[in-house]
Amino acid sequence: SNKETEAEEEAAAQYLSAERIQRLAMSGTIGLGSGFLAGLFGVGGGAVVVPALSVATELTHYQALGTSLMAMTLPAFVGTVTHYQRGNVAMRVAPALAAGAFAGAYLGGKLG
């Protein structure tokens, strides 16, 4: 019906509001910049992303931290698999390093 079509169009307009587009563009720009710097200098993406999200968006520091960690999960996994396939992962070191990082991240998250 005509009312259903109007309601669907209104929902689509709200979904693609200027504010939402601006927020997505800002997040994408921060991600692009951090990825570029990480690739160029080997800097950890979180060192750029967390402060940028805290300053350029409405996120609190802890929200920016959690968002950054979540966003880096897939790229970290893909990078790990790629480097493993190329023989660039020192398996004599990696498991203990990963276990220590896991424990440290858990404790840091609980204290933070």
C-alpha atoms as a PDB file:
ATOM      1  CA  SER A   1       0.000   0.000   0.000  1.00  0.00           C
ATOM      2  CA  ASN A   2       0.939   3.649  -0.290  1.00  0.00           C
ATOM      3  CA  LYS A   3       1.400   4.083   3.480  1.00  0.00           C
ATOM      4  CA  GLU A   4       3.783   1.115   3.636  1.00  0.00           C
ATOM      5  CA  THR A   5       5.857   2.552   0.802  1.00  0.00           C
ATOM      6  CA  GLU A   6       6.006   5.940   2.519  1.00  0.00           C
ATOM      7  CA  ALA A   7       7.073   4.296   5.800  1.00  0.00           C
ATOM      8  CA  GLU A   8       9.803   2.329   4.016  1.00  0.00           C
ATOM      9  CA  GLU A   9      11.078   5.465   2.275  1.00  0.00           C
ATOM     10  CA  GLU A  10      11.129   7.368   5.568  1.00  0.00           C
ATOM     11  CA  ALA A  11      13.048   4.541   7.259  1.00  0.00           C
ATOM     12  CA  ALA A  12      15.582   4.520   4.418  1.00  0.00           C
ATOM     13  CA  ALA A  13      15.983   8.298   4.654  1.00  0.00           C
ATOM     14  CA  GLN A  14      16.612   8.079   8.391  1.00  0.00           C
ATOM     15  CA  TYR A  15      19.106   5.235   7.883  1.00  0.00           C
ATOM     16  CA  LEU A  16      21.072   7.296   5.372  1.00  0.00           C
ATOM     17  CA  SER A  17      20.838  10.555   7.274  1.00  0.00           C
ATOM     18  CA  ALA A  18      23.575  13.129   6.848  1.00  0.00           C
ATOM     19  CA  GLU A  19      24.707  12.512  10.433  1.00  0.00           C
ATOM     20  CA  ARG A  20      25.072   8.782   9.843  1.00  0.00           C
ATOM     21  CA  ILE A  21      26.959   9.313   6.592  1.00  0.00           C
ATOM     22  CA  GLN A  22      29.257  11.814   8.299  1.00  0.00           C
ATOM     23  CA  ARG A  23      29.912   9.376  11.164  1.00  0.00           C
ATOM     24  CA  LEU A  24      30.694   6.544   8.740  1.00  0.00           C
ATOM     25  CA  ALA A  25      32.942   8.793   6.653  1.00  0.00           C
ATOM     26  CA  MET A  26      34.846   9.937   9.761  1.00  0.00           C
ATOM     27  CA  SER A  27      35.359   6.351  10.945  1.00  0.00           C
ATOM     28  CA  GLY A  28      36.449   5.253   7.477  1.00  0.00           C
ATOM     29  CA  THR A  29      38.901   8.143   7.219  1.00  0.00           C
ATOM     30  CA  ILE A  30      40.401   7.316  10.622  1.00  0.00           C
ATOM     31  CA  GLY A  31      40.741   3.668   9.584  1.00  0.00           C
ATOM     32  CA  LEU A  32      42.345   4.609   6.280  1.00  0.00           C
ATOM     33  CA  GLY A  33      44.816   6.927   7.988  1.00  0.00           C
ATOM     34  CA  SER A  34      45.747   4.421  10.665  1.00  0.00           C
ATOM     35  CA  GLY A  35      46.146   1.626   8.133  1.00  0.00           C
ATOM     36  CA  PHE A  36      48.364   3.836   5.990  1.00  0.00           C
ATOM     37  CA  LEU A  37      50.566   4.808   8.937  1.00  0.00           C
ATOM     38  CA  ALA A  38      50.722   1.214  10.167  1.00  0.00           C
ATOM     39  CA  GLY A  39      51.790   0.033   6.735  1.00  0.00           C
ATOM     40  CA  LEU A  40      54.288   2.846   6.258  1.00  0.00           C
ATOM     41  CA  PHE A  41      55.907   2.964   9.702  1.00  0.00           C
ATOM     42  CA  GLY A  42      54.849  -0.295  11.356  1.00  0.00           C
ATOM     43  CA  VAL A  43      52.998   1.638  14.077  1.00  0.00           C
ATOM     44  CA  GLY A  44      50.216  -0.237  15.837  1.00  0.00           C
ATOM     45  CA  GLY A  45      46.836   0.883  14.510  1.00  0.00           C
ATOM     46  CA  GLY A  46      45.415   1.371  17.997  1.00  0.00           C
ATOM     47  CA  ALA A  47      48.016   4.035  18.774  1.00  0.00           C
ATOM     48  CA  VAL A  48      46.384   6.165  16.082  1.00  0.00           C
ATOM     49  CA  VAL A  49      42.772   4.973  16.135  1.00  0.00           C
ATOM     50  CA  VAL A  50      41.937   5.333  19.835  1.00  0.00           C
ATOM     51  CA  PRO A  51      43.004   8.989  20.179  1.00  0.00           C
ATOM     52  CA  ALA A  52      41.464   9.847  16.796  1.00  0.00           C
ATOM     53  CA  LEU A  53      38.116   8.271  17.711  1.00  0.00           C
ATOM     54  CA  SER A  54      38.166   9.973  21.109  1.00  0.00           C
ATOM     55  CA  VAL A  55      38.775  13.405  19.570  1.00  0.00           C
ATOM     56  CA  ALA A  56      36.808  13.210  16.320  1.00  0.00           C
ATOM     57  CA  THR A  57      33.695  11.339  17.487  1.00  0.00           C
ATOM     58  CA  GLU A  58      31.360  11.276  20.456  1.00  0.00           C
ATOM     59  CA  LEU A  59      32.962   8.082  21.797  1.00  0.00           C
ATOM     60  CA  THR A  60      34.503   8.008  25.256  1.00  0.00           C
ATOM     61  CA  HIS A  61      38.069   6.773  25.607  1.00  0.00           C
ATOM     62  CA  TYR A  62      36.908   3.319  26.669  1.00  0.00           C
ATOM     63  CA  GLN A  63      34.370   3.108  23.848  1.00  0.00           C
ATOM     64  CA  ALA A  64      37.094   4.118  21.385  1.00  0.00           C
ATOM     65  CA  LEU A  65      39.422   1.494  22.861  1.00  0.00           C
ATOM     66  CA  GLY A  66      36.865  -1.310  22.618  1.00  0.00           C
ATOM     67  CA  THR A  67      35.801  -0.230  19.132  1.00  0.00           C
ATOM     68  CA  SER A  68      39.418  -0.141  17.956  1.00  0.00           C
ATOM     69  CA  LEU A  69      40.132  -3.596  19.361  1.00  0.00           C
ATOM     70  CA  MET A  70      37.023  -5.017  17.695  1.00  0.00           C
ATOM     71  CA  ALA A  71      37.834  -3.365  14.371  1.00  0.00           C
ATOM     72  CA  MET A  72      41.380  -4.770  14.389  1.00  0.00           C
ATOM     73  CA  THR A  73      40.290  -8.385  14.959  1.00  0.00           C
ATOM     74  CA  LEU A  74      39.710  -9.320  11.306  1.00  0.00           C
ATOM     75  CA  PRO A  75      42.773  -7.499   9.883  1.00  0.00           C
ATOM     76  CA  ALA A  76      44.966  -9.056  12.586  1.00  0.00           C
ATOM     77  CA  PHE A  77      43.649 -12.511  11.741  1.00  0.00           C
ATOM     78  CA  VAL A  78      44.160 -12.035   8.002  1.00  0.00           C
ATOM     79  CA  GLY A  79      47.655 -10.646   8.567  1.00  0.00           C
ATOM     80  CA  THR A  80      48.523 -13.542  10.849  1.00  0.00           C
ATOM     81  CA  VAL A  81      47.388 -16.152   8.318  1.00  0.00           C
ATOM     82  CA  THR A  82      49.204 -14.384   5.486  1.00  0.00           C
ATOM     83  CA  HIS A  83      52.481 -14.123   7.417  1.00  0.00           C
ATOM     84  CA  TYR A  84      52.157 -17.721   8.613  1.00  0.00           C
ATOM     85  CA  GLN A  85      51.708 -18.902   5.028  1.00  0.00           C
ATOM     86  CA  ARG A  86      54.836 -16.990   4.029  1.00  0.00           C
ATOM     87  CA  GLY A  87      56.843 -18.554   6.843  1.00  0.00           C
ATOM     88  CA  ASN A  88      57.160 -15.276   8.763  1.00  0.00           C
ATOM     89  CA  VAL A  89      55.785 -16.512  12.092  1.00  0.00           C
ATOM     90  CA  ALA A  90      58.363 -17.808  14.599  1.00  0.00           C
ATOM     91  CA  MET A  91      56.353 -20.678  16.077  1.00  0.00           C
ATOM     92  CA  ARG A  92      58.975 -21.205  18.803  1.00  0.00           C
ATOM     93  CA  VAL A  93      58.023 -17.735  20.166  1.00  0.00           C
ATOM     94  CA  ALA A  94      54.482 -16.985  18.945  1.00  0.00           C
ATOM     95  CA  PRO A  95      52.407 -19.284  21.228  1.00  0.00           C
ATOM     96  CA  ALA A  96      53.980 -18.009  24.468  1.00  0.00           C
ATOM     97  CA  LEU A  97      53.780 -14.424  23.206  1.00  0.00           C
ATOM     98  CA  ALA A  98      50.106 -14.900  22.316  1.00  0.00           C
ATOM     99  CA  ALA A  99      49.320 -16.468  25.711  1.00  0.00           C
ATOM    100  CA  GLY A 100      51.020 -13.595  27.534  1.00  0.00           C
ATOM    101  CA  ALA A 101      49.241 -11.011  25.373  1.00  0.00           C
ATOM    102  CA  PHE A 102      45.919 -12.753  25.981  1.00  0.00           C
ATOM    103  CA  ALA A 103      46.396 -12.727  29.760  1.00  0.00           C
ATOM    104  CA  GLY A 104      47.630  -9.130  29.734  1.00  0.00           C
ATOM    105  CA  ALA A 105      44.713  -7.953  27.586  1.00  0.00           C
ATOM    106  CA  TYR A 106      42.237  -9.715  29.847  1.00  0.00           C
ATOM    107  CA  LEU A 107      43.704  -8.197  33.011  1.00  0.00           C
ATOM    108  CA  GLY A 108      44.068  -4.760  31.415  1.00  0.00           C
ATOM    109  CA  GLY A 109      40.457  -4.875  30.239  1.00  0.00           C
ATOM    110  CA  LYS A 110      39.261  -5.819  33.726  1.00  0.00           C
ATOM    111  CA  LEU A 111      41.246  -2.991  35.355  1.00  0.00           C
ATOM    112  CA  GLY A 112      40.431  -0.355  32.706  1.00  0.00           C
END
